[in-house]
Amino acid sequence: MATIKDIAKAAGVSVTTVSRALNGYDDVKESTKKRIVEVAEQLNYSPNYVARSLVMNQTKTIGLLVSGLSRNGTKDNIVMEVLTGVDHRCSELGYDMVLFNTTTAQQKQKTYAQLCRERQVDGVIVQGIKTDDPYLEEVIESDIPCVLVDIPVEAPTVGYVTTNNSKGAYEAVEHLIGLGHRNIGFMNGHNRAYVSQERLKGYEQALRMHRIPVIPAYMTTGDFDERIAEESAYELLQQSPEITAMFCASDLMAFGVMKAAKRLSISVPEDLSVVGYDDSLLASYVTPSLTTVAQDPYRIGSEATELIVRMLQDEAVDRSSILSHMFTPRESTTVVRTS
């Protein structure tokens, strides 16, 4: 296997010059860098990343820490989209990505810092963490640079990427109000998720803006799970048959609501309009196709990677990034029936 000594000999330069050229230092002339790179390619040189990490105190590796990764979440494809965005942007920026998962049980055995140091990552992108997660406080206090997905926390080593969840929810409910609906139910996720809190806020703001009472009995939770949402909606729609529309804090839960409606012989959208959130892969394929608030998980992953790399490079950057969303009307909503 070729070494930098072999490259130096073939290129007619010193070992130091080769090292500085391959590590991107700007005190090496471009013509010399070009010659060194060409020789390295000819010799099939493969750098020793472990040795380089010891010298530079960097591994050029970003960790993607996903809390509660499970098979249940594969249907909406969000984690995979974020992962793909992180992986592609890491590759473009010259970093490797390592994925690791954590659960509440695992967190009791290993601290956040231990987990990160075991994986030898320079920085971490954290997705799916709950607001009461013990790791959240560790992230804020740690000296390991971190970007949170959908948790708006800023600190010297912490930034975040999210979308305007309250505004997206507001637009969804306003759409239903514009179709004449007044009895609008809400299927939320759980109160330990920041996005749930924000989407609840948007739901209530839209109702109040149009002077429609906020009725707690019209609200239920589905834990971002299709099966749980189906059972919750089945109970809610039986107890409050006057509900003519449902806004759901995720597409998966909207699918559950549609299944519950079918069990109760309630037609969507003729008897019940349904709106989701996320614009997951299946949203345009279900029947009727799902009206939803679209966000781009791939871009979230890419933007989170861009932010963590800038933080690692000590650039003076805004540590928050709020990405755009788009309300996407389809077939699952219609004008309310009048008796």
C-alpha atoms as a PDB file:
ATOM      1  CA  MET A   1       0.000   0.000   0.000  1.00  0.00           C
ATOM      2  CA  ALA A   2       1.350   3.400  -0.996  1.00  0.00           C
ATOM      3  CA  THR A   3       2.310   5.913   1.700  1.00  0.00           C
ATOM      4  CA  ILE A   4       2.833   9.672   1.671  1.00  0.00           C
ATOM      5  CA  LYS A   5       6.596   8.947   1.519  1.00  0.00           C
ATOM      6  CA  ASP A   6       6.014   7.164  -1.802  1.00  0.00           C
ATOM      7  CA  ILE A   7       3.979  10.102  -3.067  1.00  0.00           C
ATOM      8  CA  ALA A   8       6.652  12.584  -1.948  1.00  0.00           C
ATOM      9  CA  LYS A   9       9.364  10.633  -3.750  1.00  0.00           C
ATOM     10  CA  ALA A  10       7.361  10.296  -6.973  1.00  0.00           C
ATOM     11  CA  ALA A  11       6.262  13.961  -6.944  1.00  0.00           C
ATOM     12  CA  GLY A  12       9.711  15.306  -6.002  1.00  0.00           C
ATOM     13  CA  VAL A  13       8.493  17.142  -2.903  1.00  0.00           C
ATOM     14  CA  SER A  14       8.823  16.749   0.854  1.00  0.00           C
ATOM     15  CA  VAL A  15       6.598  14.515   2.995  1.00  0.00           C
ATOM     16  CA  THR A  16       5.409  17.654   4.802  1.00  0.00           C
ATOM     17  CA  THR A  17       4.284  19.211   1.519  1.00  0.00           C
ATOM     18  CA  VAL A  18       2.357  16.072   0.593  1.00  0.00           C
ATOM     19  CA  SER A  19       0.661  15.972   3.992  1.00  0.00           C
ATOM     20  CA  ARG A  20      -0.346  19.621   3.860  1.00  0.00           C
ATOM     21  CA  ALA A  21      -1.595  19.344   0.282  1.00  0.00           C
ATOM     22  CA  LEU A  22      -3.763  16.288   0.977  1.00  0.00           C
ATOM     23  CA  ASN A  23      -5.201  17.885   4.110  1.00  0.00           C
ATOM     24  CA  GLY A  24      -6.291  21.026   2.268  1.00  0.00           C
ATOM     25  CA  TYR A  25      -3.872  23.609   3.630  1.00  0.00           C
ATOM     26  CA  ASP A  26      -3.749  26.744   1.485  1.00  0.00           C
ATOM     27  CA  ASP A  27      -0.009  27.384   1.792  1.00  0.00           C
ATOM     28  CA  VAL A  28       0.745  24.840  -0.955  1.00  0.00           C
ATOM     29  CA  LYS A  29       0.715  26.109  -4.528  1.00  0.00           C
ATOM     30  CA  GLU A  30      -2.178  24.919  -6.662  1.00  0.00           C
ATOM     31  CA  SER A  31       0.155  23.454  -9.292  1.00  0.00           C
ATOM     32  CA  THR A  32       1.952  21.460  -6.590  1.00  0.00           C
ATOM     33  CA  LYS A  33      -1.340  20.288  -5.087  1.00  0.00           C
ATOM     34  CA  LYS A  34      -2.518  19.146  -8.496  1.00  0.00           C
ATOM     35  CA  ARG A  35       0.673  17.160  -9.107  1.00  0.00           C
ATOM     36  CA  ILE A  36       0.482  15.540  -5.667  1.00  0.00           C
ATOM     37  CA  VAL A  37      -3.177  14.544  -6.149  1.00  0.00           C
ATOM     38  CA  GLU A  38      -2.397  13.049  -9.560  1.00  0.00           C
ATOM     39  CA  VAL A  39       0.493  11.013  -8.138  1.00  0.00           C
ATOM     40  CA  ALA A  40      -1.668   9.876  -5.206  1.00  0.00           C
ATOM     41  CA  GLU A  41      -4.339   8.637  -7.627  1.00  0.00           C
ATOM     42  CA  GLN A  42      -1.745   6.857  -9.781  1.00  0.00           C
ATOM     43  CA  LEU A  43      -0.387   5.055  -6.702  1.00  0.00           C
ATOM     44  CA  ASN A  44      -3.924   4.224  -5.435  1.00  0.00           C
ATOM     45  CA  TYR A  45      -3.132   5.996  -2.190  1.00  0.00           C
ATOM     46  CA  SER A  46      -5.626   5.474   0.623  1.00  0.00           C
ATOM     47  CA  PRO A  47      -5.184   7.827   3.595  1.00  0.00           C
ATOM     48  CA  ASN A  48      -4.996   6.437   7.112  1.00  0.00           C
ATOM     49  CA  TYR A  49      -7.991   8.195   8.644  1.00  0.00           C
ATOM     50  CA  VAL A  50      -7.305   6.889  12.135  1.00  0.00           C
ATOM     51  CA  ALA A  51      -3.797   8.357  12.115  1.00  0.00           C
ATOM     52  CA  ARG A  52      -5.056  11.604  10.637  1.00  0.00           C
ATOM     53  CA  SER A  53      -7.770  11.879  13.300  1.00  0.00           C
ATOM     54  CA  LEU A  54      -5.127  11.583  16.017  1.00  0.00           C
ATOM     55  CA  VAL A  55      -3.058  14.353  14.468  1.00  0.00           C
ATOM     56  CA  MET A  56      -5.901  16.721  13.590  1.00  0.00           C
ATOM     57  CA  ASN A  57      -8.173  15.800  16.523  1.00  0.00           C
ATOM     58  CA  GLN A  58     -10.937  15.146  13.991  1.00  0.00           C
ATOM     59  CA  THR A  59     -12.475  12.004  12.543  1.00  0.00           C
ATOM     60  CA  LYS A  60     -14.425  13.767   9.756  1.00  0.00           C
ATOM     61  CA  THR A  61     -17.447  11.766  10.902  1.00  0.00           C
ATOM     62  CA  ILE A  62     -20.945  13.049  11.691  1.00  0.00           C
ATOM     63  CA  GLY A  63     -23.277  10.995  13.843  1.00  0.00           C
ATOM     64  CA  LEU A  64     -27.010  10.772  13.197  1.00  0.00           C
ATOM     65  CA  LEU A  65     -28.606   9.847  16.520  1.00  0.00           C
ATOM     66  CA  VAL A  66     -32.213   8.705  16.149  1.00  0.00           C
ATOM     67  CA  SER A  67     -34.246   8.282  19.312  1.00  0.00           C
ATOM     68  CA  GLY A  68     -36.720   5.418  19.311  1.00  0.00           C
ATOM     69  CA  LEU A  69     -35.963   4.081  15.825  1.00  0.00           C
ATOM     70  CA  SER A  70     -38.400   1.250  15.154  1.00  0.00           C
ATOM     71  CA  ARG A  71     -40.115  -0.658  12.377  1.00  0.00           C
ATOM     72  CA  ASN A  72     -43.376   1.222  13.047  1.00  0.00           C
ATOM     73  CA  GLY A  73     -41.841   4.401  11.653  1.00  0.00           C
ATOM     74  CA  THR A  74     -40.857   2.949   8.289  1.00  0.00           C
ATOM     75  CA  LYS A  75     -44.266   3.523   6.700  1.00  0.00           C
ATOM     76  CA  ASP A  76     -44.011   7.315   6.626  1.00  0.00           C
ATOM     77  CA  ASN A  77     -40.376   7.140   5.406  1.00  0.00           C
ATOM     78  CA  ILE A  78     -39.417  10.346   7.260  1.00  0.00           C
ATOM     79  CA  VAL A  79     -36.404   8.925   9.103  1.00  0.00           C
ATOM     80  CA  MET A  80     -35.078   7.427   5.875  1.00  0.00           C
ATOM     81  CA  GLU A  81     -35.488  10.735   4.042  1.00  0.00           C
ATOM     82  CA  VAL A  82     -33.645  12.641   6.768  1.00  0.00           C
ATOM     83  CA  LEU A  83     -30.929   9.969   6.835  1.00  0.00           C
ATOM     84  CA  THR A  84     -30.508  10.178   3.064  1.00  0.00           C
ATOM     85  CA  GLY A  85     -30.240  13.964   3.206  1.00  0.00           C
ATOM     86  CA  VAL A  86     -27.581  13.733   5.927  1.00  0.00           C
ATOM     87  CA  ASP A  87     -25.635  11.018   4.111  1.00  0.00           C
ATOM     88  CA  HIS A  88     -25.593  12.781   0.740  1.00  0.00           C
ATOM     89  CA  ARG A  89     -24.553  16.144   2.166  1.00  0.00           C
ATOM     90  CA  CYS A  90     -21.874  14.521   4.335  1.00  0.00           C
ATOM     91  CA  SER A  91     -20.431  12.901   1.235  1.00  0.00           C
ATOM     92  CA  GLU A  92     -20.419  16.215  -0.643  1.00  0.00           C
ATOM     93  CA  LEU A  93     -18.649  17.955   2.243  1.00  0.00           C
ATOM     94  CA  GLY A  94     -16.029  15.243   2.732  1.00  0.00           C
ATOM     95  CA  TYR A  95     -17.478  13.684   5.895  1.00  0.00           C
ATOM     96  CA  ASP A  96     -18.599  10.170   6.759  1.00  0.00           C
ATOM     97  CA  MET A  97     -21.902   9.478   8.506  1.00  0.00           C
ATOM     98  CA  VAL A  98     -22.609   6.925  11.212  1.00  0.00           C
ATOM     99  CA  LEU A  99     -26.147   6.080  12.326  1.00  0.00           C
ATOM    100  CA  PHE A 100     -26.880   5.111  15.898  1.00  0.00           C
ATOM    101  CA  ASN A 101     -30.123   4.573  17.745  1.00  0.00           C
ATOM    102  CA  THR A 102     -31.029   5.088  21.388  1.00  0.00           C
ATOM    103  CA  THR A 103     -33.927   4.142  23.640  1.00  0.00           C
ATOM    104  CA  THR A 104     -34.894   5.135  27.158  1.00  0.00           C
ATOM    105  CA  ALA A 105     -33.416   1.879  28.487  1.00  0.00           C
ATOM    106  CA  GLN A 106     -30.126   2.406  26.661  1.00  0.00           C
ATOM    107  CA  GLN A 107     -29.868   5.981  27.950  1.00  0.00           C
ATOM    108  CA  LYS A 108     -29.823   4.678  31.525  1.00  0.00           C
ATOM    109  CA  GLN A 109     -26.776   2.581  30.694  1.00  0.00           C
ATOM    110  CA  LYS A 110     -24.767   5.068  28.662  1.00  0.00           C
ATOM    111  CA  THR A 111     -24.509   8.858  28.665  1.00  0.00           C
ATOM    112  CA  TYR A 112     -24.809  10.941  25.517  1.00  0.00           C
ATOM    113  CA  ALA A 113     -21.103  11.820  25.693  1.00  0.00           C
ATOM    114  CA  GLN A 114     -20.113   8.165  26.082  1.00  0.00           C
ATOM    115  CA  LEU A 115     -22.233   7.190  23.094  1.00  0.00           C
ATOM    116  CA  CYS A 116     -20.703   9.906  20.906  1.00  0.00           C
ATOM    117  CA  ARG A 117     -17.121   9.195  21.937  1.00  0.00           C
ATOM    118  CA  GLU A 118     -17.530   5.479  21.372  1.00  0.00           C
ATOM    119  CA  ARG A 119     -18.624   6.240  17.805  1.00  0.00           C
ATOM    120  CA  GLN A 120     -15.730   8.735  17.426  1.00  0.00           C
ATOM    121  CA  VAL A 121     -17.884  11.465  15.876  1.00  0.00           C
ATOM    122  CA  ASP A 122     -16.927  15.129  15.543  1.00  0.00           C
ATOM    123  CA  GLY A 123     -20.522  16.291  15.824  1.00  0.00           C
ATOM    124  CA  VAL A 124     -24.047  14.915  16.031  1.00  0.00           C
ATOM    125  CA  ILE A 125     -27.427  15.452  14.389  1.00  0.00           C
ATOM    126  CA  VAL A 126     -30.235  14.338  16.719  1.00  0.00           C
ATOM    127  CA  GLN A 127     -33.684  13.363  15.434  1.00  0.00           C
ATOM    128  CA  GLY A 128     -36.796  12.130  17.201  1.00  0.00           C
ATOM    129  CA  ILE A 129     -35.786  13.235  20.679  1.00  0.00           C
ATOM    130  CA  LYS A 130     -38.640  14.114  23.047  1.00  0.00           C
ATOM    131  CA  THR A 131     -38.846  17.299  25.091  1.00  0.00           C
ATOM    132  CA  ASP A 132     -38.546  15.294  28.324  1.00  0.00           C
ATOM    133  CA  ASP A 133     -35.735  13.086  27.035  1.00  0.00           C
ATOM    134  CA  PRO A 134     -32.815  12.942  29.521  1.00  0.00           C
ATOM    135  CA  TYR A 135     -30.398  13.186  26.601  1.00  0.00           C
ATOM    136  CA  LEU A 136     -31.710  16.646  25.735  1.00  0.00           C
ATOM    137  CA  GLU A 137     -30.160  18.247  28.805  1.00  0.00           C
ATOM    138  CA  GLU A 138     -26.925  16.340  28.171  1.00  0.00           C
ATOM    139  CA  VAL A 139     -26.849  17.625  24.580  1.00  0.00           C
ATOM    140  CA  ILE A 140     -27.173  21.233  25.753  1.00  0.00           C
ATOM    141  CA  GLU A 141     -24.455  20.860  28.376  1.00  0.00           C
ATOM    142  CA  SER A 142     -22.062  18.833  26.222  1.00  0.00           C
ATOM    143  CA  ASP A 143     -19.065  20.291  24.386  1.00  0.00           C
ATOM    144  CA  ILE A 144     -19.830  18.049  21.393  1.00  0.00           C
ATOM    145  CA  PRO A 145     -21.343  20.174  18.588  1.00  0.00           C
ATOM    146  CA  CYS A 146     -24.923  19.145  17.895  1.00  0.00           C
ATOM    147  CA  VAL A 147     -27.832  20.067  15.616  1.00  0.00           C
ATOM    148  CA  LEU A 148     -31.316  19.126  16.809  1.00  0.00           C
ATOM    149  CA  VAL A 149     -34.126  18.328  14.378  1.00  0.00           C
ATOM    150  CA  ASP A 150     -37.439  19.893  15.463  1.00  0.00           C
ATOM    151  CA  ILE A 151     -36.248  20.998  18.922  1.00  0.00           C
ATOM    152  CA  PRO A 152     -35.685  24.791  18.942  1.00  0.00           C
ATOM    153  CA  VAL A 153     -32.739  25.011  21.331  1.00  0.00           C
ATOM    154  CA  GLU A 154     -29.667  27.179  20.821  1.00  0.00           C
ATOM    155  CA  ALA A 155     -26.492  27.051  22.893  1.00  0.00           C
ATOM    156  CA  PRO A 156     -22.771  27.635  22.211  1.00  0.00           C
ATOM    157  CA  THR A 157     -22.478  24.117  20.765  1.00  0.00           C
ATOM    158  CA  VAL A 158     -26.126  23.496  19.826  1.00  0.00           C
ATOM    159  CA  GLY A 159     -28.229  24.546  16.845  1.00  0.00           C
ATOM    160  CA  TYR A 160     -31.471  23.337  15.291  1.00  0.00           C
ATOM    161  CA  VAL A 161     -33.375  22.838  12.029  1.00  0.00           C
ATOM    162  CA  THR A 162     -37.163  22.785  11.854  1.00  0.00           C
ATOM    163  CA  THR A 163     -40.170  24.044   9.901  1.00  0.00           C
ATOM    164  CA  ASN A 164     -42.885  26.450  11.031  1.00  0.00           C
ATOM    165  CA  ASN A 165     -45.182  23.800  12.472  1.00  0.00           C
ATOM    166  CA  SER A 166     -47.720  26.168  14.008  1.00  0.00           C
ATOM    167  CA  LYS A 167     -48.121  28.051  10.730  1.00  0.00           C
ATOM    168  CA  GLY A 168     -48.491  24.815   8.758  1.00  0.00           C
ATOM    169  CA  ALA A 169     -51.204  23.634  11.145  1.00  0.00           C
ATOM    170  CA  TYR A 170     -52.917  27.021  10.985  1.00  0.00           C
ATOM    171  CA  GLU A 171     -53.056  26.814   7.170  1.00  0.00           C
ATOM    172  CA  ALA A 172     -54.477  23.281   7.309  1.00  0.00           C
ATOM    173  CA  VAL A 173     -57.290  24.243   9.685  1.00  0.00           C
ATOM    174  CA  GLU A 174     -57.981  27.479   7.813  1.00  0.00           C
ATOM    175  CA  HIS A 175     -58.435  25.402   4.659  1.00  0.00           C
ATOM    176  CA  LEU A 176     -61.097  23.332   6.424  1.00  0.00           C
ATOM    177  CA  ILE A 177     -62.810  26.445   7.755  1.00  0.00           C
ATOM    178  CA  GLY A 178     -62.809  27.873   4.238  1.00  0.00           C
ATOM    179  CA  LEU A 179     -64.732  24.777   3.113  1.00  0.00           C
ATOM    180  CA  GLY A 180     -67.430  25.571   5.679  1.00  0.00           C
ATOM    181  CA  HIS A 181     -66.363  23.200   8.467  1.00  0.00           C
ATOM    182  CA  ARG A 182     -66.927  24.361  12.030  1.00  0.00           C
ATOM    183  CA  ASN A 183     -66.809  21.103  14.008  1.00  0.00           C
ATOM    184  CA  ILE A 184     -63.164  20.248  13.402  1.00  0.00           C
ATOM    185  CA  GLY A 185     -61.458  17.496  15.379  1.00  0.00           C
ATOM    186  CA  PHE A 186     -57.735  17.257  16.042  1.00  0.00           C
ATOM    187  CA  MET A 187     -55.627  14.102  16.183  1.00  0.00           C
ATOM    188  CA  ASN A 188     -52.347  15.069  17.857  1.00  0.00           C
ATOM    189  CA  GLY A 189     -49.216  12.992  18.463  1.00  0.00           C
ATOM    190  CA  HIS A 190     -48.104  13.309  22.094  1.00  0.00           C
ATOM    191  CA  ASN A 191     -47.275  16.260  24.322  1.00  0.00           C
ATOM    192  CA  ARG A 192     -43.590  15.278  24.617  1.00  0.00           C
ATOM    193  CA  ALA A 193     -42.970  16.225  20.998  1.00  0.00           C
ATOM    194  CA  TYR A 194     -42.241  19.854  20.145  1.00  0.00           C
ATOM    195  CA  VAL A 195     -44.031  19.489  16.800  1.00  0.00           C
ATOM    196  CA  SER A 196     -47.175  18.320  18.632  1.00  0.00           C
ATOM    197  CA  GLN A 197     -47.148  21.409  20.820  1.00  0.00           C
ATOM    198  CA  GLU A 198     -46.706  23.674  17.805  1.00  0.00           C
ATOM    199  CA  ARG A 199     -49.349  21.976  15.666  1.00  0.00           C
ATOM    200  CA  LEU A 200     -51.826  22.181  18.552  1.00  0.00           C
ATOM    201  CA  LYS A 201     -51.034  25.877  18.801  1.00  0.00           C
ATOM    202  CA  GLY A 202     -51.744  26.379  15.090  1.00  0.00           C
ATOM    203  CA  TYR A 203     -55.013  24.428  15.313  1.00  0.00           C
ATOM    204  CA  GLU A 204     -56.262  26.536  18.216  1.00  0.00           C
ATOM    205  CA  GLN A 205     -55.090  29.826  16.673  1.00  0.00           C
ATOM    206  CA  ALA A 206     -57.000  29.152  13.450  1.00  0.00           C
ATOM    207  CA  LEU A 207     -60.193  28.347  15.316  1.00  0.00           C
ATOM    208  CA  ARG A 208     -59.935  31.426  17.520  1.00  0.00           C
ATOM    209  CA  MET A 209     -59.094  33.672  14.581  1.00  0.00           C
ATOM    210  CA  HIS A 210     -62.417  32.651  13.015  1.00  0.00           C
ATOM    211  CA  ARG A 211     -64.268  32.808  16.356  1.00  0.00           C
ATOM    212  CA  ILE A 212     -64.890  29.093  16.478  1.00  0.00           C
ATOM    213  CA  PRO A 213     -64.885  27.580  19.994  1.00  0.00           C
ATOM    214  CA  VAL A 214     -61.953  25.339  20.911  1.00  0.00           C
ATOM    215  CA  ILE A 215     -63.627  22.186  22.224  1.00  0.00           C
ATOM    216  CA  PRO A 216     -61.327  19.854  24.208  1.00  0.00           C
ATOM    217  CA  ALA A 217     -63.693  16.937  23.545  1.00  0.00           C
ATOM    218  CA  TYR A 218     -62.836  17.220  19.839  1.00  0.00           C
ATOM    219  CA  MET A 219     -59.135  16.576  20.523  1.00  0.00           C
ATOM    220  CA  THR A 220     -57.434  13.220  20.928  1.00  0.00           C
ATOM    221  CA  THR A 221     -53.978  11.681  20.545  1.00  0.00           C
ATOM    222  CA  GLY A 222     -52.582   8.945  18.340  1.00  0.00           C
ATOM    223  CA  ASP A 223     -48.927   8.862  19.443  1.00  0.00           C
ATOM    224  CA  PHE A 224     -47.851   9.274  15.784  1.00  0.00           C
ATOM    225  CA  ASP A 225     -48.963   5.667  15.244  1.00  0.00           C
ATOM    226  CA  GLU A 226     -51.506   4.573  12.631  1.00  0.00           C
ATOM    227  CA  ARG A 227     -53.081   1.800  14.721  1.00  0.00           C
ATOM    228  CA  ILE A 228     -53.366   3.899  17.888  1.00  0.00           C
ATOM    229  CA  ALA A 229     -54.821   6.793  15.867  1.00  0.00           C
ATOM    230  CA  GLU A 230     -57.395   4.479  14.315  1.00  0.00           C
ATOM    231  CA  GLU A 231     -58.668   3.363  17.708  1.00  0.00           C
ATOM    232  CA  SER A 232     -58.648   6.921  19.099  1.00  0.00           C
ATOM    233  CA  ALA A 233     -60.536   8.237  16.060  1.00  0.00           C
ATOM    234  CA  TYR A 234     -63.031   5.359  16.213  1.00  0.00           C
ATOM    235  CA  GLU A 235     -63.913   6.354  19.767  1.00  0.00           C
ATOM    236  CA  LEU A 236     -63.911  10.111  19.067  1.00  0.00           C
ATOM    237  CA  LEU A 237     -66.149   9.902  15.994  1.00  0.00           C
ATOM    238  CA  GLN A 238     -68.650   7.764  17.891  1.00  0.00           C
ATOM    239  CA  GLN A 239     -68.744  10.175  20.812  1.00  0.00           C
ATOM    240  CA  SER A 240     -68.906  13.314  18.624  1.00  0.00           C
ATOM    241  CA  PRO A 241     -70.712  12.398  15.376  1.00  0.00           C
ATOM    242  CA  GLU A 242     -71.158  16.117  14.610  1.00  0.00           C
ATOM    243  CA  ILE A 243     -67.467  16.363  13.673  1.00  0.00           C
ATOM    244  CA  THR A 244     -67.213  16.948   9.913  1.00  0.00           C
ATOM    245  CA  ALA A 245     -63.439  17.332   9.571  1.00  0.00           C
ATOM    246  CA  MET A 246     -60.253  16.056  11.221  1.00  0.00           C
ATOM    247  CA  PHE A 247     -56.835  17.700  11.217  1.00  0.00           C
ATOM    248  CA  CYS A 248     -54.080  15.210  12.054  1.00  0.00           C
ATOM    249  CA  ALA A 249     -50.554  16.038  13.210  1.00  0.00           C
ATOM    250  CA  SER A 250     -49.081  13.390  10.895  1.00  0.00           C
ATOM    251  CA  ASP A 251     -50.046  11.521   7.741  1.00  0.00           C
ATOM    252  CA  LEU A 252     -49.748   8.171   9.521  1.00  0.00           C
ATOM    253  CA  MET A 253     -52.389   9.233  12.017  1.00  0.00           C
ATOM    254  CA  ALA A 254     -54.545  10.572   9.174  1.00  0.00           C
ATOM    255  CA  PHE A 255     -54.441   7.101   7.598  1.00  0.00           C
ATOM    256  CA  GLY A 256     -55.649   5.739  10.937  1.00  0.00           C
ATOM    257  CA  VAL A 257     -58.512   8.243  10.996  1.00  0.00           C
ATOM    258  CA  MET A 258     -59.538   7.213   7.477  1.00  0.00           C
ATOM    259  CA  LYS A 259     -59.578   3.550   8.556  1.00  0.00           C
ATOM    260  CA  ALA A 260     -61.725   4.393  11.583  1.00  0.00           C
ATOM    261  CA  ALA A 261     -64.136   6.320   9.370  1.00  0.00           C
ATOM    262  CA  LYS A 262     -64.461   3.311   7.066  1.00  0.00           C
ATOM    263  CA  ARG A 263     -65.257   1.044  10.034  1.00  0.00           C
ATOM    264  CA  LEU A 264     -68.026   3.476  11.027  1.00  0.00           C
ATOM    265  CA  SER A 265     -69.363   3.724   7.431  1.00  0.00           C
ATOM    266  CA  ILE A 266     -68.366   7.398   7.348  1.00  0.00           C
ATOM    267  CA  SER A 267     -67.380   8.428   3.830  1.00  0.00           C
ATOM    268  CA  VAL A 268     -64.188  10.457   3.259  1.00  0.00           C
ATOM    269  CA  PRO A 269     -64.447  13.231   2.156  1.00  0.00           C
ATOM    270  CA  GLU A 270     -68.235  13.399   1.697  1.00  0.00           C
ATOM    271  CA  ASP A 271     -69.007  12.948   5.413  1.00  0.00           C
ATOM    272  CA  LEU A 272     -65.583  13.631   6.914  1.00  0.00           C
ATOM    273  CA  SER A 273     -62.753  15.739   5.498  1.00  0.00           C
ATOM    274  CA  VAL A 274     -59.269  14.647   6.617  1.00  0.00           C
ATOM    275  CA  VAL A 275     -55.997  16.601   6.554  1.00  0.00           C
ATOM    276  CA  GLY A 276     -52.581  15.177   7.470  1.00  0.00           C
ATOM    277  CA  TYR A 277     -49.131  16.590   8.015  1.00  0.00           C
ATOM    278  CA  ASP A 278     -45.760  15.653   6.394  1.00  0.00           C
ATOM    279  CA  ASP A 279     -46.727  14.683   2.816  1.00  0.00           C
ATOM    280  CA  SER A 280     -45.243  11.240   3.280  1.00  0.00           C
ATOM    281  CA  LEU A 281     -44.675   8.918   0.353  1.00  0.00           C
ATOM    282  CA  LEU A 282     -48.074   7.222   0.671  1.00  0.00           C
ATOM    283  CA  ALA A 283     -50.114  10.432   0.977  1.00  0.00           C
ATOM    284  CA  SER A 284     -50.716  10.716  -2.760  1.00  0.00           C
ATOM    285  CA  TYR A 285     -51.384   6.971  -3.186  1.00  0.00           C
ATOM    286  CA  VAL A 286     -54.124   6.320  -0.623  1.00  0.00           C
ATOM    287  CA  THR A 287     -57.740   6.552  -1.748  1.00  0.00           C
ATOM    288  CA  PRO A 288     -58.859   9.267  -1.542  1.00  0.00           C
ATOM    289  CA  SER A 289     -55.461  10.938  -1.828  1.00  0.00           C
ATOM    290  CA  LEU A 290     -54.578  12.818   1.337  1.00  0.00           C
ATOM    291  CA  THR A 291     -54.683  16.587   1.707  1.00  0.00           C
ATOM    292  CA  THR A 292     -51.636  17.427   3.824  1.00  0.00           C
ATOM    293  CA  VAL A 293     -48.976  19.926   4.840  1.00  0.00           C
ATOM    294  CA  ALA A 294     -45.789  19.067   2.978  1.00  0.00           C
ATOM    295  CA  GLN A 295     -42.348  19.367   4.463  1.00  0.00           C
ATOM    296  CA  ASP A 296     -39.086  18.079   3.001  1.00  0.00           C
ATOM    297  CA  PRO A 297     -37.282  15.643   5.346  1.00  0.00           C
ATOM    298  CA  TYR A 298     -34.443  15.188   2.856  1.00  0.00           C
ATOM    299  CA  ARG A 299     -33.765  18.913   2.911  1.00  0.00           C
ATOM    300  CA  ILE A 300     -34.007  18.930   6.708  1.00  0.00           C
ATOM    301  CA  GLY A 301     -31.248  16.318   6.819  1.00  0.00           C
ATOM    302  CA  SER A 302     -29.151  18.170   4.282  1.00  0.00           C
ATOM    303  CA  GLU A 303     -29.578  21.517   6.042  1.00  0.00           C
ATOM    304  CA  ALA A 304     -28.755  19.972   9.433  1.00  0.00           C
ATOM    305  CA  THR A 305     -25.542  18.572   7.967  1.00  0.00           C
ATOM    306  CA  GLU A 306     -24.602  21.908   6.444  1.00  0.00           C
ATOM    307  CA  LEU A 307     -25.142  23.598   9.808  1.00  0.00           C
ATOM    308  CA  ILE A 308     -23.157  21.076  11.882  1.00  0.00           C
ATOM    309  CA  VAL A 309     -20.198  21.243   9.480  1.00  0.00           C
ATOM    310  CA  ARG A 310     -20.147  25.041   9.645  1.00  0.00           C
ATOM    311  CA  MET A 311     -20.195  24.805  13.430  1.00  0.00           C
ATOM    312  CA  LEU A 312     -17.315  22.314  13.356  1.00  0.00           C
ATOM    313  CA  GLN A 313     -15.328  24.672  11.169  1.00  0.00           C
ATOM    314  CA  ASP A 314     -15.823  27.464  13.722  1.00  0.00           C
ATOM    315  CA  GLU A 315     -17.681  29.645  11.271  1.00  0.00           C
ATOM    316  CA  ALA A 316     -19.781  32.450  12.729  1.00  0.00           C
ATOM    317  CA  VAL A 317     -23.201  31.099  11.786  1.00  0.00           C
ATOM    318  CA  ASP A 318     -26.818  31.501  12.757  1.00  0.00           C
ATOM    319  CA  ARG A 319     -27.457  28.329  14.748  1.00  0.00           C
ATOM    320  CA  SER A 320     -31.109  28.069  13.719  1.00  0.00           C
ATOM    321  CA  SER A 321     -32.704  27.235  10.385  1.00  0.00           C
ATOM    322  CA  ILE A 322     -36.465  27.293   9.757  1.00  0.00           C
ATOM    323  CA  LEU A 323     -37.338  25.675   6.442  1.00  0.00           C
ATOM    324  CA  SER A 324     -40.404  26.216   4.304  1.00  0.00           C
ATOM    325  CA  HIS A 325     -43.516  24.038   4.125  1.00  0.00           C
ATOM    326  CA  MET A 326     -46.361  23.836   1.593  1.00  0.00           C
ATOM    327  CA  PHE A 327     -50.055  23.155   2.054  1.00  0.00           C
ATOM    328  CA  THR A 328     -51.004  20.457  -0.471  1.00  0.00           C
ATOM    329  CA  PRO A 329     -54.736  20.002  -1.166  1.00  0.00           C
ATOM    330  CA  ARG A 330     -55.848  16.651  -2.593  1.00  0.00           C
ATOM    331  CA  GLU A 331     -59.018  14.547  -2.559  1.00  0.00           C
ATOM    332  CA  SER A 332     -59.607  13.930   1.162  1.00  0.00           C
ATOM    333  CA  THR A 333     -61.253  17.318   1.823  1.00  0.00           C
ATOM    334  CA  THR A 334     -64.383  18.867   0.425  1.00  0.00           C
ATOM    335  CA  VAL A 335     -67.064  21.445   1.192  1.00  0.00           C
ATOM    336  CA  VAL A 336     -69.097  20.570   4.273  1.00  0.00           C
ATOM    337  CA  ARG A 337     -72.487  18.996   3.663  1.00  0.00           C
ATOM    338  CA  THR A 338     -75.446  21.120   4.660  1.00  0.00           C
ATOM    339  CA  SER A 339     -78.554  19.462   6.076  1.00  0.00           C
END
